[in-house]
Amino acid sequence: MKNPKVLLMVCGYKGLGFFEHLVENIPIQEVISYQDHNVTDTAFEKIQEICNVKNIRHKDLKRLSAEDISFFDLVFVVGWQYMLPVLDNIIVFHDSLLPKYRGFAPTVNALINGEKQIGVTAFSPREGVDTGPILGQAATPITYPIKIRDAFDMQITLAGNLAIELFKQKQAEALRCIEQDEDEATYSIWRDQEDFFIDWTLPSETIVRTIDALGWPYNGARSYCGDSEVVLLGAESVYPKKKFENPNPGKIWNISPSGIEVLTGTGTICLNHVLDCNGERFQPEKLRQRFTSKRGS
């Protein structure tokens, strides 16, 4: 197929980056996107701007039928959060090495778990959560600490390069695929606002990874300090670890120019970037306070 007709269905920071990666490398006939109100980025507006500059058709849609996309030879999907029709021309780029981390927020959950690599899978969706034959995969090793934005940037590059390979393959021959191994499948559960609140009984390293995994383009990890809800944007484990008699996770141990040292399930972490809900730097009024997941606890 000499000139496959390409549609992008993209949303959010990852969708924008994927679009930017492809727009200079393959012909794109149309882009469908929508505004995601759960993040703080301006990806939707930027996607529209690029379409205007490059004279690419743009549609603002969340839910669509098979008739809306059956005209295209390749439909690349990144960051989409709504149900898709089951069509052979659709290729979803999922932020994991399937069949691992099927489902929601796979990168966030992988970083919290401390995985040693992250990756992207291009697959043709079928009935069921992230099932269907795999058309290609790419991975990269990571080291900690790592912010979610940096992880997304890595995955955007992986997905973009993989999409270009698939486009070239489609030009020359039918796309090749392999079935997923169901025995190897794991699942990544959806996250909501409650999951942004830190469980201070967890190990220090897990809490630091969680804070890093919930930063921009998300709204940041959360906690209460007394009656104040605060946003946790930066933290680091404290070494050497202190051994506390009768430890009580969440209690403040020290306040210094470096940050706020707080007890965890395995020691302490230093919160070095904390804001109140007005975006101002947060400083506890006194030492004898604790960070909790519930107001006033």
Protein backbone atom coordinates (compact mmCIF):
# COMPACT_ATOMS: atom_id res chain seq x y z
CA MET A 1 0.00 0.00 0.00
CA LYS A 2 1.85 3.05 -1.28
CA ASN A 3 0.13 5.83 0.70
CA PRO A 4 -1.82 4.54 3.72
CA LYS A 5 -4.43 7.02 4.94
CA VAL A 6 -3.66 7.87 8.57
CA LEU A 7 -5.96 9.08 11.36
CA LEU A 8 -4.66 9.99 14.82
CA MET A 9 -6.90 9.71 17.89
CA VAL A 10 -4.88 11.47 20.57
CA CYS A 11 -5.45 13.12 23.93
CA GLY A 12 -3.38 14.74 26.66
CA TYR A 13 0.34 15.28 27.01
CA LYS A 14 1.26 11.89 25.52
CA GLY A 15 -1.11 12.34 22.61
CA LEU A 16 0.34 15.77 21.83
CA GLY A 17 3.92 14.49 21.95
CA PHE A 18 3.03 11.54 19.73
CA PHE A 19 1.39 13.91 17.20
CA GLU A 20 4.43 16.21 17.22
CA HIS A 21 6.71 13.21 16.65
CA LEU A 22 4.72 11.96 13.66
CA VAL A 23 3.62 15.15 11.94
CA GLU A 24 7.03 15.72 10.32
CA ASN A 25 7.56 12.06 9.43
CA ILE A 26 4.37 10.61 7.94
CA PRO A 27 1.30 12.10 6.18
CA ILE A 28 -1.67 12.54 8.51
CA GLN A 29 -5.12 13.10 7.03
CA GLU A 30 -7.10 13.77 10.22
CA VAL A 31 -6.78 14.16 14.00
CA ILE A 32 -9.51 13.51 16.56
CA SER A 33 -8.98 14.74 20.13
CA TYR A 34 -10.83 16.13 23.14
CA GLN A 35 -10.17 18.17 26.28
CA ASP A 36 -9.11 16.12 29.33
CA HIS A 37 -10.17 18.05 32.43
CA ASN A 38 -8.30 15.76 34.84
CA VAL A 39 -4.87 17.17 34.00
CA THR A 40 -3.22 20.58 34.05
CA ASP A 41 -1.68 20.66 30.57
CA THR A 42 -2.85 22.54 27.46
CA ALA A 43 -2.42 19.64 25.06
CA PHE A 44 -5.85 19.96 23.44
CA GLU A 45 -5.28 23.57 22.40
CA LYS A 46 -1.79 22.77 21.10
CA ILE A 47 -3.11 19.85 19.05
CA GLN A 48 -5.65 22.20 17.48
CA GLU A 49 -2.92 24.76 16.72
CA ILE A 50 -0.72 22.21 14.95
CA CYS A 51 -3.65 21.01 12.87
CA ASN A 52 -4.38 24.59 11.81
CA VAL A 53 -0.76 25.28 10.89
CA LYS A 54 -0.32 21.99 9.00
CA ASN A 55 -3.78 22.15 7.39
CA ILE A 56 -4.85 18.82 8.93
CA ARG A 57 -8.53 18.15 9.61
CA HIS A 58 -9.36 18.23 13.33
CA LYS A 59 -12.46 16.94 15.11
CA ASP A 60 -13.40 17.39 18.77
CA LEU A 61 -14.98 14.05 19.68
CA LYS A 62 -14.95 11.66 22.62
CA ARG A 63 -17.21 8.87 21.46
CA LEU A 64 -17.36 7.70 17.88
CA SER A 65 -18.66 4.86 15.75
CA ALA A 66 -16.99 2.51 13.30
CA GLU A 67 -18.30 4.65 10.45
CA ASP A 68 -16.29 7.64 11.71
CA ILE A 69 -12.96 5.87 11.19
CA SER A 70 -13.50 2.99 8.73
CA PHE A 71 -12.22 5.15 5.81
CA PHE A 72 -8.64 5.14 7.13
CA ASP A 73 -6.00 2.46 6.63
CA LEU A 74 -4.21 3.18 9.92
CA VAL A 75 -5.79 4.64 13.04
CA PHE A 76 -3.13 5.37 15.68
CA VAL A 77 -4.54 5.82 19.19
CA VAL A 78 -2.62 7.41 22.10
CA GLY A 79 -4.00 8.64 25.43
CA TRP A 80 -7.60 7.81 24.54
CA GLN A 81 -9.90 7.12 27.52
CA TYR A 82 -13.14 6.06 25.85
CA MET A 83 -14.40 2.84 24.28
CA LEU A 84 -13.23 2.07 20.76
CA PRO A 85 -14.94 0.05 18.04
CA VAL A 86 -13.26 -3.25 17.23
CA LEU A 87 -11.71 -2.68 13.80
CA ASP A 88 -8.56 -4.12 12.25
CA ASN A 89 -7.32 -0.67 11.16
CA ILE A 90 -7.09 0.57 14.78
CA ILE A 91 -3.69 0.41 16.49
CA VAL A 92 -3.58 1.37 20.18
CA PHE A 93 -0.30 2.36 21.81
CA HIS A 94 -0.46 1.18 25.41
CA ASP A 95 2.05 2.37 28.01
CA SER A 96 3.31 -1.04 29.08
CA LEU A 97 4.83 -4.22 27.73
CA LEU A 98 1.63 -6.17 27.31
CA PRO A 99 0.29 -8.42 28.62
CA LYS A 100 1.77 -6.80 31.76
CA TYR A 101 -0.11 -3.80 33.23
CA ARG A 102 -3.29 -4.10 31.22
CA GLY A 103 -5.75 -1.38 32.15
CA PHE A 104 -5.45 2.07 33.66
CA ALA A 105 -2.50 4.33 34.58
CA PRO A 106 0.09 1.67 33.74
CA THR A 107 3.07 4.03 33.85
CA VAL A 108 2.06 5.55 37.18
CA ASN A 109 1.63 2.12 38.73
CA ALA A 110 4.84 0.80 37.18
CA LEU A 111 6.86 3.69 38.61
CA ILE A 112 5.29 3.31 42.05
CA ASN A 113 6.19 -0.39 41.92
CA GLY A 114 9.79 0.44 41.03
CA GLU A 115 9.93 -1.38 37.68
CA LYS A 116 13.37 -1.39 36.07
CA GLN A 117 12.06 -0.62 32.58
CA ILE A 118 9.08 0.98 30.93
CA GLY A 119 7.77 0.41 27.46
CA VAL A 120 5.05 0.73 24.85
CA THR A 121 2.99 -1.88 23.03
CA ALA A 122 1.20 -1.34 19.71
CA PHE A 123 -1.75 -3.73 19.48
CA SER A 124 -5.00 -4.26 17.63
CA PRO A 125 -7.79 -4.08 20.25
CA ARG A 126 -10.35 -6.82 20.77
CA GLU A 127 -13.16 -7.31 23.28
CA GLY A 128 -11.70 -7.11 26.79
CA VAL A 129 -9.24 -4.81 28.51
CA ASP A 130 -6.11 -4.32 26.39
CA THR A 131 -6.44 -7.69 24.71
CA GLY A 132 -5.67 -8.30 21.08
CA PRO A 133 -2.68 -9.21 18.91
CA ILE A 134 0.58 -7.30 19.38
CA LEU A 135 1.98 -5.48 16.36
CA GLY A 136 5.15 -4.20 18.01
CA GLN A 137 6.83 -3.34 21.31
CA ALA A 138 9.64 -1.10 22.50
CA ALA A 139 11.22 -0.64 25.93
CA THR A 140 13.84 1.42 27.72
CA PRO A 141 15.58 0.95 31.09
CA ILE A 142 14.99 3.55 33.80
CA THR A 143 16.65 4.55 37.04
CA TYR A 144 15.18 6.25 40.09
CA PRO A 145 14.38 8.94 40.98
CA ILE A 146 12.39 9.65 37.84
CA LYS A 147 9.51 12.08 37.32
CA ILE A 148 6.37 10.99 35.50
CA ARG A 149 6.90 13.61 32.81
CA ASP A 150 10.33 12.21 31.99
CA ALA A 151 8.89 8.70 31.80
CA PHE A 152 6.13 9.91 29.46
CA ASP A 153 8.70 11.64 27.25
CA MET A 154 10.56 8.34 26.91
CA GLN A 155 7.37 6.51 26.02
CA ILE A 156 6.34 9.19 23.51
CA THR A 157 9.61 8.66 21.65
CA LEU A 158 9.18 4.88 21.77
CA ALA A 159 5.60 5.08 20.50
CA GLY A 160 6.44 7.59 17.78
CA ASN A 161 9.29 5.51 16.40
CA LEU A 162 7.16 2.38 16.57
CA ALA A 163 4.33 4.11 14.66
CA ILE A 164 6.74 5.17 11.90
CA GLU A 165 7.97 1.57 11.62
CA LEU A 166 4.38 0.31 11.33
CA PHE A 167 3.55 2.93 8.71
CA LYS A 168 6.53 1.83 6.61
CA GLN A 169 5.62 -1.81 7.11
CA LYS A 170 2.04 -1.10 5.96
CA GLN A 171 3.45 0.52 2.81
CA ALA A 172 5.33 -2.66 1.94
CA GLU A 173 3.22 -5.53 3.25
CA ALA A 174 0.51 -6.62 5.67
CA LEU A 175 1.24 -5.88 9.33
CA ARG A 176 2.65 -8.78 11.29
CA CYS A 177 1.30 -9.64 14.74
CA ILE A 178 1.55 -12.14 17.59
CA GLU A 179 -1.08 -13.10 20.16
CA GLN A 180 -0.72 -12.10 23.81
CA ASP A 181 0.14 -14.78 26.36
CA GLU A 182 -2.83 -14.80 28.73
CA ASP A 183 -0.85 -16.69 31.37
CA GLU A 184 1.49 -13.69 31.68
CA ALA A 185 -1.24 -11.05 32.02
CA THR A 186 -1.32 -8.60 34.94
CA TYR A 187 -3.76 -5.74 35.46
CA SER A 188 -3.46 -2.09 36.46
CA ILE A 189 -6.50 -0.75 38.34
CA TRP A 190 -7.94 2.73 37.73
CA ARG A 191 -6.98 5.56 40.06
CA ASP A 192 -9.17 8.35 41.42
CA GLN A 193 -8.75 11.36 43.72
CA GLU A 194 -8.44 9.18 46.83
CA ASP A 195 -5.37 7.54 45.32
CA PHE A 196 -3.56 10.89 45.25
CA PHE A 197 -3.41 10.88 49.08
CA ILE A 198 -0.26 9.37 50.52
CA ASP A 199 -0.33 6.33 52.80
CA TRP A 200 2.45 7.22 55.25
CA THR A 201 2.77 3.63 56.50
CA LEU A 202 4.37 2.62 53.20
CA PRO A 203 8.17 2.34 52.81
CA SER A 204 10.05 5.59 52.25
CA GLU A 205 11.16 4.62 48.75
CA THR A 206 7.60 3.78 47.71
CA ILE A 207 6.28 7.12 48.95
CA VAL A 208 9.01 9.04 47.09
CA ARG A 209 8.27 7.12 43.89
CA THR A 210 4.54 7.80 44.37
CA ILE A 211 5.11 11.55 44.73
CA ASP A 212 7.26 11.57 41.60
CA ALA A 213 4.69 9.49 39.69
CA LEU A 214 1.80 11.85 40.46
CA GLY A 215 3.44 15.12 39.41
CA TRP A 216 2.81 17.16 36.26
CA PRO A 217 0.81 16.64 34.07
CA TYR A 218 -1.23 15.28 36.99
CA ASN A 219 -2.24 17.49 39.89
CA GLY A 220 0.26 16.17 42.43
CA ALA A 221 0.24 13.81 45.41
CA ARG A 222 -1.82 15.03 48.36
CA SER A 223 -1.90 14.92 52.12
CA TYR A 224 -3.39 16.79 55.05
CA CYS A 225 -1.34 18.54 57.67
CA GLY A 226 -3.83 19.43 60.37
CA ASP A 227 -6.75 21.04 58.54
CA SER A 228 -4.66 22.06 55.54
CA GLU A 229 -4.70 20.02 52.34
CA VAL A 230 -1.26 20.23 50.73
CA VAL A 231 0.28 19.23 47.41
CA LEU A 232 3.47 17.17 47.52
CA LEU A 233 5.62 17.77 44.45
CA GLY A 234 9.08 16.73 45.60
CA ALA A 235 10.63 14.40 48.19
CA GLU A 236 13.68 12.28 48.86
CA SER A 237 14.53 9.45 51.21
CA VAL A 238 16.74 10.34 54.18
CA TYR A 239 19.97 8.40 54.70
CA PRO A 240 21.22 6.97 56.88
CA LYS A 241 17.82 5.76 58.02
CA LYS A 242 16.81 6.69 61.53
CA LYS A 243 15.49 3.97 63.81
CA PHE A 244 12.51 5.21 65.81
CA GLU A 245 11.16 3.54 68.92
CA ASN A 246 7.39 3.10 68.52
CA PRO A 247 7.34 4.90 65.16
CA ASN A 248 4.18 6.71 64.12
CA PRO A 249 4.15 7.29 60.35
CA GLY A 250 3.09 10.75 59.24
CA LYS A 251 4.48 12.63 62.24
CA ILE A 252 6.89 15.48 61.54
CA TRP A 253 10.39 14.87 62.90
CA ASN A 254 12.16 18.01 61.77
CA ILE A 255 11.65 21.26 59.86
CA SER A 256 14.72 22.77 58.22
CA PRO A 257 15.71 24.84 55.16
CA SER A 258 16.01 21.53 53.28
CA GLY A 259 12.37 20.66 53.88
CA ILE A 260 10.01 18.82 56.19
CA GLU A 261 11.20 15.46 57.52
CA VAL A 262 8.30 13.07 58.02
CA LEU A 263 8.14 9.53 59.44
CA THR A 264 7.18 6.69 57.09
CA GLY A 265 6.77 2.96 57.49
CA THR A 266 10.53 2.41 57.22
CA GLY A 267 12.23 5.65 58.27
CA THR A 268 11.79 9.23 57.13
CA ILE A 269 11.56 11.23 53.93
CA CYS A 270 12.29 14.91 53.37
CA LEU A 271 9.47 16.81 51.64
CA ASN A 272 11.34 19.50 49.72
CA HIS A 273 8.54 20.90 47.53
CA VAL A 274 5.19 21.35 49.28
CA LEU A 275 2.45 23.79 48.27
CA ASP A 276 -0.86 24.74 49.79
CA CYS A 277 -3.99 24.62 47.65
CA ASN A 278 -3.41 28.23 46.57
CA GLY A 279 -0.07 27.31 45.04
CA GLU A 280 1.95 28.97 47.82
CA ARG A 281 4.87 27.35 49.63
CA PHE A 282 3.57 25.42 52.64
CA GLN A 283 5.33 25.64 56.00
CA PRO A 284 3.91 23.85 59.06
CA GLU A 285 2.99 26.18 61.91
CA LYS A 286 4.63 23.93 64.47
CA LEU A 287 6.72 20.79 64.75
CA ARG A 288 4.16 18.68 66.60
CA GLN A 289 1.91 17.99 63.64
CA ARG A 290 1.36 15.05 61.40
CA PHE A 291 0.64 14.38 57.74
CA THR A 292 -2.42 12.21 57.23
CA SER A 293 -4.76 11.04 54.47
CA LYS A 294 -7.79 12.52 56.24
CA ARG A 295 -8.46 16.08 57.35
CA GLY A 296 -7.79 16.79 61.02
CA SER A 297 -6.64 13.25 61.86
